[in-house]
PDB file of N, CA and C in Angstrom:
ATOM      1  N   UNK A   1       0.842  -1.168   0.000  1.00  0.00           N
ATOM      2  CA  UNK A   1       0.000   0.000   0.000  1.00  0.00           C
ATOM      3  C   UNK A   1       0.896   1.242   0.000  1.00  0.00           C
ATOM      4  N   UNK A   2       0.610   2.209  -0.868  1.00  0.00           N
ATOM      5  CA  UNK A   2       1.397   3.428  -0.977  1.00  0.00           C
ATOM      6  C   UNK A   2       0.837   4.507  -0.065  1.00  0.00           C
ATOM      7  N   UNK A   3       1.718   5.386   0.369  1.00  0.00           N
ATOM      8  CA  UNK A   3       1.323   6.539   1.170  1.00  0.00           C
ATOM      9  C   UNK A   3       1.531   7.795   0.345  1.00  0.00           C
ATOM     10  N   UNK A   4       0.602   8.740   0.508  1.00  0.00           N
ATOM     11  CA  UNK A   4       0.703  10.023  -0.178  1.00  0.00           C
ATOM     12  C   UNK A   4       0.819  11.107   0.884  1.00  0.00           C
ATOM     13  N   UNK A   5       1.752  11.991   0.699  1.00  0.00           N
ATOM     14  CA  UNK A   5       1.930  13.114   1.603  1.00  0.00           C
ATOM     15  C   UNK A   5       1.513  14.384   0.871  1.00  0.00           C
ATOM     16  N   UNK A   6       0.676  15.188   1.544  1.00  0.00           N
ATOM     17  CA  UNK A   6       0.210  16.440   0.950  1.00  0.00           C
ATOM     18  C   UNK A   6       0.570  17.574   1.896  1.00  0.00           C
ATOM     19  N   UNK A   7       1.261  18.567   1.387  1.00  0.00           N
ATOM     20  CA  UNK A   7       1.582  19.755   2.166  1.00  0.00           C
ATOM     21  C   UNK A   7       0.565  20.838   1.830  1.00  0.00           C
ATOM     22  N   UNK A   8      -0.043  21.417   2.868  1.00  0.00           N
ATOM     23  CA  UNK A   8      -1.064  22.452   2.675  1.00  0.00           C
ATOM     24  C   UNK A   8      -0.687  23.672   3.499  1.00  0.00           C
ATOM     25  N   UNK A   9      -0.793  24.838   2.881  1.00  0.00           N
ATOM     26  CA  UNK A   9      -0.615  26.099   3.598  1.00  0.00           C
ATOM     27  C   UNK A   9      -1.883  26.305   4.416  1.00  0.00           C
ATOM     28  N   UNK A  10      -1.839  26.032   5.715  1.00  0.00           N
ATOM     29  CA  UNK A  10      -3.043  25.985   6.542  1.00  0.00           C
ATOM     30  C   UNK A  10      -3.732  27.337   6.701  1.00  0.00           C
ATOM     31  N   UNK A  11      -2.992  28.418   6.751  1.00  0.00           N
ATOM     32  CA  UNK A  11      -3.613  29.740   6.900  1.00  0.00           C
ATOM     33  C   UNK A  11      -4.503  30.075   5.718  1.00  0.00           C
ATOM     34  N   UNK A  12      -3.996  29.883   4.516  1.00  0.00           N
ATOM     35  CA  UNK A  12      -4.765  30.156   3.299  1.00  0.00           C
ATOM     36  C   UNK A  12      -5.932  29.190   3.163  1.00  0.00           C
ATOM     37  N   UNK A  13      -5.676  27.920   3.418  1.00  0.00           N
ATOM     38  CA  UNK A  13      -6.733  26.911   3.303  1.00  0.00           C
ATOM     39  C   UNK A  13      -7.854  27.186   4.291  1.00  0.00           C
ATOM     40  N   UNK A  14      -7.497  27.557   5.512  1.00  0.00           N
ATOM     41  CA  UNK A  14      -8.516  27.858   6.516  1.00  0.00           C
ATOM     42  C   UNK A  14      -9.383  29.037   6.083  1.00  0.00           C
ATOM     43  N   UNK A  15      -8.784  30.090   5.565  1.00  0.00           N
ATOM     44  CA  UNK A  15      -9.557  31.251   5.085  1.00  0.00           C
ATOM     45  C   UNK A  15     -10.466  30.868   3.933  1.00  0.00           C
ATOM     46  N   UNK A  16      -9.966  30.027   3.031  1.00  0.00           N
ATOM     47  CA  UNK A  16     -10.782  29.585   1.901  1.00  0.00           C
ATOM     48  C   UNK A  16     -11.967  28.749   2.376  1.00  0.00           C
ATOM     49  N   UNK A  17     -11.722  27.846   3.327  1.00  0.00           N
ATOM     50  CA  UNK A  17     -12.816  27.018   3.850  1.00  0.00           C
ATOM     51  C   UNK A  17     -13.846  27.864   4.594  1.00  0.00           C
ATOM     52  N   UNK A  18     -13.405  28.893   5.302  1.00  0.00           N
ATOM     53  CA  UNK A  18     -14.346  29.795   5.981  1.00  0.00           C
ATOM     54  C   UNK A  18     -15.202  30.544   4.963  1.00  0.00           C
ATOM     55  N   UNK A  19     -14.601  30.980   3.872  1.00  0.00           N
ATOM     56  CA  UNK A  19     -15.348  31.676   2.824  1.00  0.00           C
ATOM     57  C   UNK A  19     -16.387  30.748   2.194  1.00  0.00           C
ATOM     58  N   UNK A  20     -15.987  29.513   1.932  1.00  0.00           N
ATOM     59  CA  UNK A  20     -16.933  28.533   1.367  1.00  0.00           C
ATOM     60  C   UNK A  20     -18.076  28.298   2.331  1.00  0.00           C
ATOM     61  N   UNK A  21     -17.760  28.150   3.610  1.00  0.00           N
ATOM     62  CA  UNK A  21     -18.786  27.915   4.624  1.00  0.00           C
ATOM     63  C   UNK A  21     -19.767  29.079   4.691  1.00  0.00           C
ATOM     64  N   UNK A  22     -19.245  30.291   4.685  1.00  0.00           N
ATOM     65  CA  UNK A  22     -20.083  31.496   4.759  1.00  0.00           C
ATOM     66  C   UNK A  22     -21.041  31.562   3.570  1.00  0.00           C
ATOM     67  N   UNK A  23     -20.537  31.340   2.386  1.00  0.00           N
ATOM     68  CA  UNK A  23     -21.364  31.437   1.191  1.00  0.00           C
ATOM     69  C   UNK A  23     -22.330  30.260   1.067  1.00  0.00           C
ATOM     70  N   UNK A  24     -21.936  29.091   1.550  1.00  0.00           N
ATOM     71  CA  UNK A  24     -22.833  27.937   1.533  1.00  0.00           C
ATOM     72  C   UNK A  24     -24.027  28.185   2.443  1.00  0.00           C
ATOM     73  N   UNK A  25     -23.779  28.777   3.614  1.00  0.00           N
ATOM     74  CA  UNK A  25     -24.872  29.105   4.536  1.00  0.00           C
ATOM     75  C   UNK A  25     -25.814  30.137   3.919  1.00  0.00           C
ATOM     76  N   UNK A  26     -25.282  31.151   3.270  1.00  0.00           N
ATOM     77  CA  UNK A  26     -26.110  32.164   2.619  1.00  0.00           C
ATOM     78  C   UNK A  26     -26.938  31.546   1.491  1.00  0.00           C
ATOM     79  N   UNK A  27     -26.349  30.637   0.723  1.00  0.00           N
ATOM     80  CA  UNK A  27     -27.065  29.959  -0.347  1.00  0.00           C
ATOM     81  C   UNK A  27     -28.196  29.106   0.220  1.00  0.00           C
ATOM     82  N   UNK A  28     -27.919  28.376   1.291  1.00  0.00           N
ATOM     83  CA  UNK A  28     -28.953  27.548   1.928  1.00  0.00           C
ATOM     84  C   UNK A  28     -30.105  28.409   2.430  1.00  0.00           C
ATOM     85  N   UNK A  29     -29.797  29.562   3.026  1.00  0.00           N
ATOM     86  CA  UNK A  29     -30.848  30.474   3.494  1.00  0.00           C
ATOM     87  C   UNK A  29     -31.704  30.971   2.329  1.00  0.00           C
ATOM     88  N   UNK A  30     -31.074  31.324   1.224  1.00  0.00           N
ATOM     89  CA  UNK A  30     -31.800  31.806   0.050  1.00  0.00           C
ATOM     90  C   UNK A  30     -32.687  30.714  -0.544  1.00  0.00           C
ATOM     91  N   UNK A  31     -32.178  29.488  -0.611  1.00  0.00           N
ATOM     92  CA  UNK A  31     -32.980  28.379  -1.137  1.00  0.00           C
ATOM     93  C   UNK A  31     -34.172  28.082  -0.225  1.00  0.00           C
ATOM     94  N   UNK A  32     -33.978  28.152   1.094  1.00  0.00           N
ATOM     95  CA  UNK A  32     -35.091  27.982   2.026  1.00  0.00           C
ATOM     96  C   UNK A  32     -36.141  29.073   1.849  1.00  0.00           C
ATOM     97  N   UNK A  33     -35.685  30.298   1.628  1.00  0.00           N
ATOM     98  CA  UNK A  33     -36.607  31.416   1.393  1.00  0.00           C
ATOM     99  C   UNK A  33     -37.439  31.178   0.129  1.00  0.00           C
ATOM    100  N   UNK A  34     -36.804  30.683  -0.920  1.00  0.00           N
ATOM    101  CA  UNK A  34     -37.530  30.384  -2.156  1.00  0.00           C
ATOM    102  C   UNK A  34     -38.583  29.314  -1.906  1.00  0.00           C
ATOM    103  N   UNK A  35     -38.216  28.246  -1.187  1.00  0.00           N
ATOM    104  CA  UNK A  35     -39.182  27.190  -0.863  1.00  0.00           C
ATOM    105  C   UNK A  35     -40.330  27.728  -0.029  1.00  0.00           C
ATOM    106  N   UNK A  36     -40.021  28.582   0.935  1.00  0.00           N
ATOM    107  CA  UNK A  36     -41.027  29.117   1.850  1.00  0.00           C
ATOM    108  C   UNK A  36     -42.045  29.989   1.119  1.00  0.00           C
ATOM    109  N   UNK A  37     -41.608  30.743   0.120  1.00  0.00           N
ATOM    110  CA  UNK A  37     -42.480  31.693  -0.550  1.00  0.00           C
ATOM    111  C   UNK A  37     -42.837  31.277  -1.973  1.00  0.00           C
ATOM    112  N   UNK A  38     -42.944  29.985  -2.226  1.00  0.00           N
ATOM    113  CA  UNK A  38     -43.394  29.483  -3.515  1.00  0.00           C
ATOM    114  C   UNK A  38     -44.626  28.616  -3.298  1.00  0.00           C
ATOM    115  N   UNK A  39     -45.703  28.941  -3.992  1.00  0.00           N
ATOM    116  CA  UNK A  39     -46.955  28.195  -3.868  1.00  0.00           C
ATOM    117  C   UNK A  39     -46.787  26.798  -4.464  1.00  0.00           C
ATOM    118  N   UNK A  40     -47.194  25.795  -3.700  1.00  0.00           N
ATOM    119  CA  UNK A  40     -47.075  24.415  -4.178  1.00  0.00           C
ATOM    120  C   UNK A  40     -48.132  24.070  -5.228  1.00  0.00           C
ATOM    121  N   UNK A  41     -49.187  24.854  -5.298  1.00  0.00           N
ATOM    122  CA  UNK A  41     -50.252  24.592  -6.274  1.00  0.00           C
ATOM    123  C   UNK A  41     -49.946  25.176  -7.651  1.00  0.00           C
ATOM    124  N   UNK A  42     -49.553  26.461  -7.687  1.00  0.00           N
ATOM    125  CA  UNK A  42     -49.375  27.113  -8.995  1.00  0.00           C
ATOM    126  C   UNK A  42     -47.938  27.553  -9.271  1.00  0.00           C
ATOM    127  N   UNK A  43     -47.050  27.461  -8.262  1.00  0.00           N
ATOM    128  CA  UNK A  43     -45.655  27.836  -8.461  1.00  0.00           C
ATOM    129  C   UNK A  43     -45.372  29.321  -8.372  1.00  0.00           C
ATOM    130  N   UNK A  44     -46.379  30.113  -8.040  1.00  0.00           N
ATOM    131  CA  UNK A  44     -46.206  31.561  -7.940  1.00  0.00           C
ATOM    132  C   UNK A  44     -45.348  31.925  -6.735  1.00  0.00           C
ATOM    133  N   UNK A  45     -44.640  33.052  -6.855  1.00  0.00           N
ATOM    134  CA  UNK A  45     -43.909  33.564  -5.699  1.00  0.00           C
ATOM    135  C   UNK A  45     -44.593  34.782  -5.092  1.00  0.00           C
ATOM    136  N   UNK A  46     -45.859  35.009  -5.473  1.00  0.00           N
ATOM    137  CA  UNK A  46     -46.670  36.088  -4.901  1.00  0.00           C
ATOM    138  C   UNK A  46     -47.410  35.551  -3.689  1.00  0.00           C
ATOM    139  N   UNK A  47     -46.682  35.391  -2.595  1.00  0.00           N
ATOM    140  CA  UNK A  47     -47.208  34.744  -1.396  1.00  0.00           C
ATOM    141  C   UNK A  47     -47.169  35.729  -0.238  1.00  0.00           C
ATOM    142  N   UNK A  48     -48.258  35.742   0.537  1.00  0.00           N
ATOM    143  CA  UNK A  48     -48.360  36.592   1.712  1.00  0.00           C
ATOM    144  C   UNK A  48     -48.143  35.740   2.963  1.00  0.00           C
ATOM    145  N   UNK A  49     -47.246  36.190   3.839  1.00  0.00           N
ATOM    146  CA  UNK A  49     -46.949  35.486   5.088  1.00  0.00           C
ATOM    147  C   UNK A  49     -47.585  36.252   6.235  1.00  0.00           C
ATOM    148  N   UNK A  50     -48.323  35.547   7.108  1.00  0.00           N
ATOM    149  CA  UNK A  50     -48.979  36.165   8.252  1.00  0.00           C
ATOM    150  C   UNK A  50     -48.575  35.428   9.524  1.00  0.00           C
ATOM    151  N   UNK A  51     -48.215  36.181  10.550  1.00  0.00           N
ATOM    152  CA  UNK A  51     -47.913  35.599  11.860  1.00  0.00           C
ATOM    153  C   UNK A  51     -49.035  35.987  12.807  1.00  0.00           C
ATOM    154  N   UNK A  52     -49.730  34.994  13.333  1.00  0.00           N
ATOM    155  CA  UNK A  52     -50.830  35.221  14.268  1.00  0.00           C
ATOM    156  C   UNK A  52     -50.371  34.830  15.672  1.00  0.00           C
ATOM    157  N   UNK A  53     -50.540  35.757  16.624  1.00  0.00           N
ATOM    158  CA  UNK A  53     -50.154  35.492  18.003  1.00  0.00           C
ATOM    159  C   UNK A  53     -51.405  35.321  18.850  1.00  0.00           C
ATOM    160  N   UNK A  54     -51.340  34.365  19.786  1.00  0.00           N
ATOM    161  CA  UNK A  54     -52.465  34.152  20.692  1.00  0.00           C
ATOM    162  C   UNK A  54     -52.127  34.723  22.067  1.00  0.00           C
ATOM    163  N   UNK A  55     -53.089  34.621  22.993  1.00  0.00           N
ATOM    164  CA  UNK A  55     -52.885  35.128  24.349  1.00  0.00           C
ATOM    165  C   UNK A  55     -51.957  34.257  25.181  1.00  0.00           C
ATOM    166  N   UNK A  56     -51.621  33.088  24.709  1.00  0.00           N
ATOM    167  CA  UNK A  56     -50.843  32.135  25.484  1.00  0.00           C
ATOM    168  C   UNK A  56     -49.393  32.029  25.006  1.00  0.00           C
ATOM    169  N   UNK A  57     -48.837  33.115  24.469  1.00  0.00           N
ATOM    170  CA  UNK A  57     -47.459  33.153  23.958  1.00  0.00           C
ATOM    171  C   UNK A  57     -47.204  32.160  22.825  1.00  0.00           C
ATOM    172  N   UNK A  58     -48.223  31.803  22.093  1.00  0.00           N
ATOM    173  CA  UNK A  58     -48.083  30.930  20.926  1.00  0.00           C
ATOM    174  C   UNK A  58     -48.200  31.767  19.657  1.00  0.00           C
ATOM    175  N   UNK A  59     -47.601  31.286  18.606  1.00  0.00           N
ATOM    176  CA  UNK A  59     -47.795  31.921  17.309  1.00  0.00           C
ATOM    177  C   UNK A  59     -47.960  30.845  16.245  1.00  0.00           C
ATOM    178  N   UNK A  60     -48.621  31.209  15.176  1.00  0.00           N
ATOM    179  CA  UNK A  60     -48.777  30.349  14.010  1.00  0.00           C
ATOM    180  C   UNK A  60     -48.490  31.188  12.776  1.00  0.00           C
ATOM    181  N   UNK A  61     -47.684  30.661  11.875  1.00  0.00           N
ATOM    182  CA  UNK A  61     -47.400  31.342  10.617  1.00  0.00           C
ATOM    183  C   UNK A  61     -48.221  30.672   9.523  1.00  0.00           C
ATOM    184  N   UNK A  62     -48.934  31.481   8.770  1.00  0.00           N
ATOM    185  CA  UNK A  62     -49.708  30.978   7.638  1.00  0.00           C
ATOM    186  C   UNK A  62     -49.265  31.699   6.373  1.00  0.00           C
ATOM    187  N   UNK A  63     -49.487  31.041   5.254  1.00  0.00           N
ATOM    188  CA  UNK A  63     -49.134  31.589   3.943  1.00  0.00           C
ATOM    189  C   UNK A  63     -50.360  31.509   3.045  1.00  0.00           C
ATOM    190  N   UNK A  64     -50.493  32.490   2.156  1.00  0.00           N
ATOM    191  CA  UNK A  64     -51.566  32.453   1.166  1.00  0.00           C
ATOM    192  C   UNK A  64     -51.038  32.986  -0.156  1.00  0.00           C
ATOM    193  N   UNK A  65     -51.315  32.236  -1.220  1.00  0.00           N
ATOM    194  CA  UNK A  65     -50.899  32.641  -2.563  1.00  0.00           C
ATOM    195  C   UNK A  65     -51.846  33.716  -3.068  1.00  0.00           C
ATOM    196  N   UNK A  66     -51.298  34.838  -3.510  1.00  0.00           N
ATOM    197  CA  UNK A  66     -52.109  35.934  -4.040  1.00  0.00           C
ATOM    198  C   UNK A  66     -52.644  35.638  -5.435  1.00  0.00           C
ATOM    199  N   UNK A  67     -52.068  34.643  -6.121  1.00  0.00           N
ATOM    200  CA  UNK A  67     -52.510  34.327  -7.477  1.00  0.00           C
ATOM    201  C   UNK A  67     -53.648  33.307  -7.502  1.00  0.00           C
ATOM    202  N   UNK A  68     -53.503  32.200  -6.746  1.00  0.00           N
ATOM    203  CA  UNK A  68     -54.527  31.148  -6.820  1.00  0.00           C
ATOM    204  C   UNK A  68     -55.333  30.985  -5.538  1.00  0.00           C
ATOM    205  N   UNK A  69     -54.915  31.652  -4.449  1.00  0.00           N
ATOM    206  CA  UNK A  69     -55.661  31.577  -3.198  1.00  0.00           C
ATOM    207  C   UNK A  69     -55.320  30.388  -2.320  1.00  0.00           C
ATOM    208  N   UNK A  70     -54.398  29.549  -2.755  1.00  0.00           N
ATOM    209  CA  UNK A  70     -53.986  28.402  -1.941  1.00  0.00           C
ATOM    210  C   UNK A  70     -53.412  28.898  -0.618  1.00  0.00           C
ATOM    211  N   UNK A  71     -53.779  28.234   0.474  1.00  0.00           N
ATOM    212  CA  UNK A  71     -53.260  28.594   1.786  1.00  0.00           C
ATOM    213  C   UNK A  71     -52.630  27.398   2.464  1.00  0.00           C
ATOM    214  N   UNK A  72     -51.623  27.653   3.296  1.00  0.00           N
ATOM    215  CA  UNK A  72     -50.981  26.576   4.040  1.00  0.00           C
ATOM    216  C   UNK A  72     -50.378  27.122   5.326  1.00  0.00           C
ATOM    217  N   UNK A  73     -50.148  26.206   6.268  1.00  0.00           N
ATOM    218  CA  UNK A  73     -49.556  26.559   7.554  1.00  0.00           C
ATOM    219  C   UNK A  73     -48.054  26.387   7.510  1.00  0.00           C
ATOM    220  N   UNK A  74     -47.370  27.263   8.198  1.00  0.00           N
ATOM    221  CA  UNK A  74     -45.929  27.156   8.376  1.00  0.00           C
ATOM    222  C   UNK A  74     -45.649  26.659   9.775  1.00  0.00           C
ATOM    223  N   UNK A  75     -44.683  27.271  10.411  1.00  0.00           N
ATOM    224  CA  UNK A  75     -44.289  26.814  11.739  1.00  0.00           C
ATOM    225  C   UNK A  75     -45.227  27.347  12.813  1.00  0.00           C
ATOM    226  N   UNK A  76     -45.193  26.682  13.963  1.00  0.00           N
ATOM    227  CA  UNK A  76     -45.905  27.114  15.150  1.00  0.00           C
ATOM    228  C   UNK A  76     -44.926  27.068  16.305  1.00  0.00           C
ATOM    229  N   UNK A  77     -45.139  27.893  17.309  1.00  0.00           N
ATOM    230  CA  UNK A  77     -44.237  27.851  18.455  1.00  0.00           C
ATOM    231  C   UNK A  77     -44.568  28.904  19.476  1.00  0.00           C
ATOM    232  N   UNK A  78     -43.616  29.143  20.373  1.00  0.00           N
ATOM    233  CA  UNK A  78     -43.758  30.137  21.417  1.00  0.00           C
ATOM    234  C   UNK A  78     -42.995  31.390  21.010  1.00  0.00           C
ATOM    235  N   UNK A  79     -43.521  32.544  21.369  1.00  0.00           N
ATOM    236  CA  UNK A  79     -42.811  33.784  21.100  1.00  0.00           C
ATOM    237  C   UNK A  79     -42.476  34.473  22.410  1.00  0.00           C
ATOM    238  N   UNK A  80     -41.463  35.313  22.363  1.00  0.00           N
ATOM    239  CA  UNK A  80     -41.022  36.073  23.531  1.00  0.00           C
ATOM    240  C   UNK A  80     -41.213  37.550  23.254  1.00  0.00           C
ATOM    241  N   UNK A  81     -41.707  38.273  24.224  1.00  0.00           N
ATOM    242  CA  UNK A  81     -41.846  39.735  24.067  1.00  0.00           C
ATOM    243  C   UNK A  81     -40.592  40.440  24.460  1.00  0.00           C
TER     244      UNK A  81
END
């Protein structure tokens, strides 16, 4: 079995990996935003997001397509004032 030795300039490589990580996270956030605001029925991105809060520190996020009227629920949880 052969061995391979690789020399890497760690300072430069670390900065490059940090840049990749930063941009990968931004890309993932943008793709999630596209999924969140795209209607599953008609594919429109004309979607209205509403956050409804109750008296018990709960919230519900709902979405409605402005083009076809399709509605769906998003996340639910507790909110802090």
